[in-house]
Each structure stands twice: as structure tokens, then as C-alpha cells.
PDB file of N, CA and C in Angstrom:
ATOM      1  N   MET A   1       1.839 -39.907 -21.385  1.00  0.00           N
ATOM      2  CA  MET A   1       2.765 -39.075 -20.850  1.00  0.00           C
ATOM      3  C   MET A   1       4.189 -38.554 -21.584  1.00  0.00           C
ATOM      4  N   ASP A   2       4.078 -37.120 -21.455  1.00  0.00           N
ATOM      5  CA  ASP A   2       5.535 -37.029 -22.095  1.00  0.00           C
ATOM      6  C   ASP A   2       6.677 -36.739 -20.479  1.00  0.00           C
ATOM      7  N   TYR A   3       7.775 -37.054 -21.011  1.00  0.00           N
ATOM      8  CA  TYR A   3       8.681 -37.619 -19.498  1.00  0.00           C
ATOM      9  C   TYR A   3      10.235 -36.503 -20.256  1.00  0.00           C
ATOM     10  N   THR A   4       9.550 -35.780 -21.128  1.00  0.00           N
ATOM     11  CA  THR A   4      10.780 -35.037 -21.439  1.00  0.00           C
ATOM     12  C   THR A   4      11.359 -33.647 -20.037  1.00  0.00           C
ATOM     13  N   ASN A   5      10.250 -32.991 -19.735  1.00  0.00           N
ATOM     14  CA  ASN A   5      10.705 -32.418 -18.418  1.00  0.00           C
ATOM     15  C   ASN A   5      11.151 -33.168 -17.040  1.00  0.00           C
ATOM     16  N   ILE A   6      10.625 -34.441 -17.220  1.00  0.00           N
ATOM     17  CA  ILE A   6      11.217 -35.267 -15.748  1.00  0.00           C
ATOM     18  C   ILE A   6      12.749 -35.480 -16.371  1.00  0.00           C
ATOM     19  N   VAL A   7      12.899 -35.831 -17.118  1.00  0.00           N
ATOM     20  CA  VAL A   7      14.527 -36.063 -17.824  1.00  0.00           C
ATOM     21  C   VAL A   7      15.349 -34.954 -17.400  1.00  0.00           C
ATOM     22  N   ILE A   8      14.825 -33.724 -18.127  1.00  0.00           N
ATOM     23  CA  ILE A   8      15.785 -32.786 -18.020  1.00  0.00           C
ATOM     24  C   ILE A   8      15.965 -32.640 -16.356  1.00  0.00           C
ATOM     25  N   PHE A   9      14.954 -32.488 -15.550  1.00  0.00           N
ATOM     26  CA  PHE A   9      14.660 -32.416 -14.195  1.00  0.00           C
ATOM     27  C   PHE A   9      15.611 -33.196 -13.359  1.00  0.00           C
ATOM     28  N   ILE A  10      16.018 -34.215 -13.732  1.00  0.00           N
ATOM     29  CA  ILE A  10      16.629 -35.215 -12.921  1.00  0.00           C
ATOM     30  C   ILE A  10      18.297 -35.347 -13.703  1.00  0.00           C
ATOM     31  N   ILE A  11      18.646 -34.830 -14.784  1.00  0.00           N
ATOM     32  CA  ILE A  11      19.837 -34.658 -15.373  1.00  0.00           C
ATOM     33  C   ILE A  11      20.368 -33.258 -14.384  1.00  0.00           C
ATOM     34  N   LEU A  12      19.641 -32.218 -14.578  1.00  0.00           N
ATOM     35  CA  LEU A  12      20.046 -31.273 -13.172  1.00  0.00           C
ATOM     36  C   LEU A  12      20.326 -31.386 -12.197  1.00  0.00           C
ATOM     37  N   ALA A  13      19.441 -32.034 -11.294  1.00  0.00           N
ATOM     38  CA  ALA A  13      19.380 -32.503 -10.229  1.00  0.00           C
ATOM     39  C   ALA A  13      20.966 -32.735 -10.096  1.00  0.00           C
ATOM     40  N   PHE A  14      20.721 -33.680 -10.759  1.00  0.00           N
ATOM     41  CA  PHE A  14      22.594 -35.091 -10.167  1.00  0.00           C
ATOM     42  C   PHE A  14      23.324 -33.935 -10.883  1.00  0.00           C
ATOM     43  N   SER A  15      23.553 -33.111 -11.838  1.00  0.00           N
ATOM     44  CA  SER A  15      24.413 -32.542 -12.038  1.00  0.00           C
ATOM     45  C   SER A  15      24.452 -31.077 -11.151  1.00  0.00           C
ATOM     46  N   LEU A  16      23.750 -30.539 -10.644  1.00  0.00           N
ATOM     47  CA  LEU A  16      23.942 -29.960  -9.279  1.00  0.00           C
ATOM     48  C   LEU A  16      24.821 -30.564  -8.069  1.00  0.00           C
ATOM     49  N   GLY A  17      24.263 -31.482  -8.104  1.00  0.00           N
ATOM     50  CA  GLY A  17      24.763 -32.361  -6.685  1.00  0.00           C
ATOM     51  C   GLY A  17      26.443 -32.838  -7.125  1.00  0.00           C
ATOM     52  N   ALA A  18      26.376 -33.373  -8.458  1.00  0.00           N
ATOM     53  CA  ALA A  18      27.842 -33.430  -8.242  1.00  0.00           C
ATOM     54  C   ALA A  18      28.611 -32.292  -8.767  1.00  0.00           C
ATOM     55  N   ILE A  19      28.075 -30.916  -8.999  1.00  0.00           N
ATOM     56  CA  ILE A  19      29.277 -29.837  -8.961  1.00  0.00           C
ATOM     57  C   ILE A  19      29.336 -29.436  -7.441  1.00  0.00           C
ATOM     58  N   MET A  20      28.069 -29.449  -6.864  1.00  0.00           N
ATOM     59  CA  MET A  20      28.476 -29.229  -5.116  1.00  0.00           C
ATOM     60  C   MET A  20      29.614 -30.049  -4.797  1.00  0.00           C
ATOM     61  N   ILE A  21      29.640 -31.260  -5.503  1.00  0.00           N
ATOM     62  CA  ILE A  21      30.954 -32.366  -4.642  1.00  0.00           C
ATOM     63  C   ILE A  21      31.860 -31.861  -5.365  1.00  0.00           C
ATOM     64  N   MET A  22      31.707 -31.574  -6.177  1.00  0.00           N
ATOM     65  CA  MET A  22      33.370 -31.425  -6.992  1.00  0.00           C
ATOM     66  C   MET A  22      33.970 -29.711  -6.078  1.00  0.00           C
ATOM     67  N   TYR A  23      33.242 -28.782  -5.971  1.00  0.00           N
ATOM     68  CA  TYR A  23      33.363 -27.138  -5.902  1.00  0.00           C
ATOM     69  C   TYR A  23      33.030 -27.049  -4.478  1.00  0.00           C
ATOM     70  N   ARG A  24      33.309 -28.132  -3.317  1.00  0.00           N
ATOM     71  CA  ARG A  24      32.708 -27.717  -2.401  1.00  0.00           C
ATOM     72  C   ARG A  24      33.832 -27.335  -1.241  1.00  0.00           C
ATOM     73  N   GLU A  25      35.083 -26.924  -1.729  1.00  0.00           N
ATOM     74  CA  GLU A  25      36.134 -26.223  -1.227  1.00  0.00           C
ATOM     75  C   GLU A  25      36.130 -24.534  -1.627  1.00  0.00           C
ATOM     76  N   LYS A  26      35.597 -24.163  -2.825  1.00  0.00           N
ATOM     77  CA  LYS A  26      35.462 -23.229  -3.548  1.00  0.00           C
ATOM     78  C   LYS A  26      34.101 -22.318  -2.891  1.00  0.00           C
ATOM     79  N   ILE A  27      33.102 -22.961  -2.621  1.00  0.00           N
ATOM     80  CA  ILE A  27      31.619 -22.252  -1.767  1.00  0.00           C
ATOM     81  C   ILE A  27      31.961 -21.631  -0.678  1.00  0.00           C
ATOM     82  N   PRO A  28      31.426 -20.446  -0.525  1.00  0.00           N
ATOM     83  CA  PRO A  28      31.828 -20.008   0.700  1.00  0.00           C
ATOM     84  C   PRO A  28      30.824 -20.434   2.076  1.00  0.00           C
ATOM     85  N   PRO A  29      31.370 -20.808   3.220  1.00  0.00           N
ATOM     86  CA  PRO A  29      30.927 -21.752   4.166  1.00  0.00           C
ATOM     87  C   PRO A  29      29.518 -21.008   4.321  1.00  0.00           C
ATOM     88  N   ARG A  30      29.093 -19.536   4.095  1.00  0.00           N
ATOM     89  CA  ARG A  30      27.680 -19.517   4.656  1.00  0.00           C
ATOM     90  C   ARG A  30      26.559 -19.834   3.572  1.00  0.00           C
ATOM     91  N   LEU A  31      27.285 -20.253   2.347  1.00  0.00           N
ATOM     92  CA  LEU A  31      25.936 -20.915   1.381  1.00  0.00           C
ATOM     93  C   LEU A  31      26.006 -22.045   1.207  1.00  0.00           C
ATOM     94  N   ARG A  32      27.300 -22.807   1.849  1.00  0.00           N
ATOM     95  CA  ARG A  32      27.387 -24.277   1.813  1.00  0.00           C
ATOM     96  C   ARG A  32      26.218 -25.200   2.242  1.00  0.00           C
ATOM     97  N   ARG A  33      25.830 -24.434   3.125  1.00  0.00           N
ATOM     98  CA  ARG A  33      24.952 -25.738   4.034  1.00  0.00           C
ATOM     99  C   ARG A  33      23.943 -25.606   3.104  1.00  0.00           C
ATOM    100  N   GLY A  34      23.416 -24.298   2.759  1.00  0.00           N
ATOM    101  CA  GLY A  34      22.020 -23.795   2.120  1.00  0.00           C
ATOM    102  C   GLY A  34      21.862 -24.605   0.679  1.00  0.00           C
ATOM    103  N   MET A  35      22.977 -24.435  -0.017  1.00  0.00           N
ATOM    104  CA  MET A  35      23.183 -24.877  -1.297  1.00  0.00           C
ATOM    105  C   MET A  35      23.106 -26.255  -1.331  1.00  0.00           C
ATOM    106  N   ALA A  36      23.789 -26.819  -0.228  1.00  0.00           N
ATOM    107  CA  ALA A  36      23.608 -28.395  -0.149  1.00  0.00           C
ATOM    108  C   ALA A  36      22.193 -29.213   0.196  1.00  0.00           C
ATOM    109  N   LEU A  37      21.762 -28.139   1.536  1.00  0.00           N
ATOM    110  CA  LEU A  37      20.477 -29.058   1.352  1.00  0.00           C
ATOM    111  C   LEU A  37      19.602 -28.920   0.097  1.00  0.00           C
ATOM    112  N   ILE A  38      19.638 -27.937  -0.767  1.00  0.00           N
ATOM    113  CA  ILE A  38      18.609 -27.466  -1.494  1.00  0.00           C
ATOM    114  C   ILE A  38      18.975 -29.006  -2.212  1.00  0.00           C
ATOM    115  N   ALA A  39      20.153 -29.217  -2.846  1.00  0.00           N
ATOM    116  CA  ALA A  39      20.815 -30.213  -3.908  1.00  0.00           C
ATOM    117  C   ALA A  39      20.281 -31.419  -3.225  1.00  0.00           C
ATOM    118  N   VAL A  40      20.136 -31.818  -2.084  1.00  0.00           N
ATOM    119  CA  VAL A  40      19.808 -33.081  -1.489  1.00  0.00           C
ATOM    120  C   VAL A  40      18.105 -33.271  -1.725  1.00  0.00           C
ATOM    121  N   ALA A  41      17.669 -31.909  -1.275  1.00  0.00           N
ATOM    122  CA  ALA A  41      16.372 -31.879  -1.706  1.00  0.00           C
ATOM    123  C   ALA A  41      15.825 -32.080  -3.376  1.00  0.00           C
ATOM    124  N   LEU A  42      16.337 -32.016  -4.046  1.00  0.00           N
ATOM    125  CA  LEU A  42      16.179 -32.140  -5.460  1.00  0.00           C
ATOM    126  C   LEU A  42      16.542 -33.054  -5.810  1.00  0.00           C
ATOM    127  N   ILE A  43      17.658 -33.719  -5.282  1.00  0.00           N
ATOM    128  CA  ILE A  43      18.153 -35.140  -6.000  1.00  0.00           C
ATOM    129  C   ILE A  43      17.310 -36.536  -5.314  1.00  0.00           C
ATOM    130  N   LEU A  44      16.659 -36.061  -3.889  1.00  0.00           N
ATOM    131  CA  LEU A  44      15.537 -36.832  -3.354  1.00  0.00           C
ATOM    132  C   LEU A  44      14.373 -36.763  -4.290  1.00  0.00           C
ATOM    133  N   PHE A  45      14.275 -35.434  -4.864  1.00  0.00           N
ATOM    134  CA  PHE A  45      12.679 -35.658  -5.275  1.00  0.00           C
ATOM    135  C   PHE A  45      12.887 -36.274  -7.081  1.00  0.00           C
ATOM    136  N   ALA A  46      14.111 -36.031  -7.639  1.00  0.00           N
ATOM    137  CA  ALA A  46      14.785 -36.730  -8.844  1.00  0.00           C
ATOM    138  C   ALA A  46      14.416 -38.512  -8.361  1.00  0.00           C
ATOM    139  N   PHE A  47      15.079 -38.902  -7.425  1.00  0.00           N
ATOM    140  CA  PHE A  47      14.375 -40.484  -7.051  1.00  0.00           C
ATOM    141  C   PHE A  47      13.117 -40.618  -7.286  1.00  0.00           C
ATOM    142  N   PHE A  48      12.723 -39.680  -6.354  1.00  0.00           N
ATOM    143  CA  PHE A  48      11.095 -40.233  -6.038  1.00  0.00           C
ATOM    144  C   PHE A  48      10.651 -39.819  -7.636  1.00  0.00           C
ATOM    145  N   LEU A  49      10.752 -39.273  -8.507  1.00  0.00           N
ATOM    146  CA  LEU A  49      10.303 -39.365  -9.855  1.00  0.00           C
ATOM    147  C   LEU A  49      10.943 -40.482 -10.314  1.00  0.00           C
ATOM    148  N   ILE A  50      12.283 -40.847 -10.780  1.00  0.00           N
ATOM    149  CA  ILE A  50      12.252 -42.272 -11.649  1.00  0.00           C
ATOM    150  C   ILE A  50      11.646 -43.040 -10.955  1.00  0.00           C
ATOM    151  N   VAL A  51      11.289 -43.302  -9.697  1.00  0.00           N
ATOM    152  CA  VAL A  51      10.908 -44.727  -8.802  1.00  0.00           C
ATOM    153  C   VAL A  51       9.109 -44.612  -9.373  1.00  0.00           C
ATOM    154  N   TYR A  52       8.384 -43.420  -9.513  1.00  0.00           N
ATOM    155  CA  TYR A  52       7.109 -43.339  -9.910  1.00  0.00           C
ATOM    156  C   TYR A  52       7.292 -43.492 -11.046  1.00  0.00           C
ATOM    157  N   SER A  53       7.775 -43.208 -12.376  1.00  0.00           N
ATOM    158  CA  SER A  53       7.432 -43.454 -13.684  1.00  0.00           C
ATOM    159  C   SER A  53       8.061 -44.697 -13.889  1.00  0.00           C
ATOM    160  N   PHE A  54       8.859 -45.388 -12.615  1.00  0.00           N
ATOM    161  CA  PHE A  54       8.775 -47.214 -13.388  1.00  0.00           C
ATOM    162  C   PHE A  54       7.809 -47.948 -12.745  1.00  0.00           C
ATOM    163  N   LEU A  55       6.875 -47.621 -11.424  1.00  0.00           N
ATOM    164  CA  LEU A  55       5.682 -47.951 -10.857  1.00  0.00           C
ATOM    165  C   LEU A  55       4.595 -47.664 -12.187  1.00  0.00           C
ATOM    166  N   ASN A  56       4.378 -46.327 -12.178  1.00  0.00           N
ATOM    167  CA  ASN A  56       3.740 -46.394 -12.986  1.00  0.00           C
ATOM    168  C   ASN A  56       3.913 -45.728 -14.584  1.00  0.00           C
ATOM    169  N   PRO A  57       3.765 -46.723 -15.354  1.00  0.00           N
ATOM    170  CA  PRO A  57       4.326 -46.681 -16.542  1.00  0.00           C
ATOM    171  C   PRO A  57       3.359 -45.347 -17.434  1.00  0.00           C
ATOM    172  N   GLY A  58       3.594 -44.751 -18.246  1.00  0.00           N
ATOM    173  CA  GLY A  58       2.715 -43.797 -18.808  1.00  0.00           C
ATOM    174  C   GLY A  58       2.079 -44.755 -20.352  1.00  0.00           C
ATOM    175  N   SER A  59       1.061 -43.932 -20.415  1.00  0.00           N
ATOM    176  CA  SER A  59       0.030 -44.552 -21.197  1.00  0.00           C
ATOM    177  C   SER A  59       0.635 -44.044 -23.045  1.00  0.00           C
ATOM    178  N   SER A  60       1.508 -43.715 -23.166  1.00  0.00           N
ATOM    179  CA  SER A  60       1.764 -42.937 -24.085  1.00  0.00           C
ATOM    180  C   SER A  60       2.379 -44.029 -25.485  1.00  0.00           C
TER     181      SER A  60
END
């Protein structure tokens, strides 16, 4: 199994979370909550993918 796409997604999800934390004062209040919820959902899915890849090693 090719994990390239999964690794790219994980890097981008954590990068989005870091950007949200670093620039939280500059984001308009109306967008802040929605973007934070989306970032949390993507980070949780990235954690799921990390755990899933450790529990089911690929056959490549």
C-alpha cells in the first residue's frame, strides 16, 4: 500500500492546526469557530490514520 497520500494529509492537517494556533488573534471571530472545528476534525482523522497504519501494516 502506498502511504504517500496519507503522509501528505497528516502533515497538512497538523500544519493547519499549528497555523490556527499561531494566528488565532488575526482570524475574524465569525470564521474562527468553524475553522477550528474543521481543523480539529482533520487532526482527529489524521490520528486515526496513524493508529490504523500501525495496527494494519501494509503488504508493500
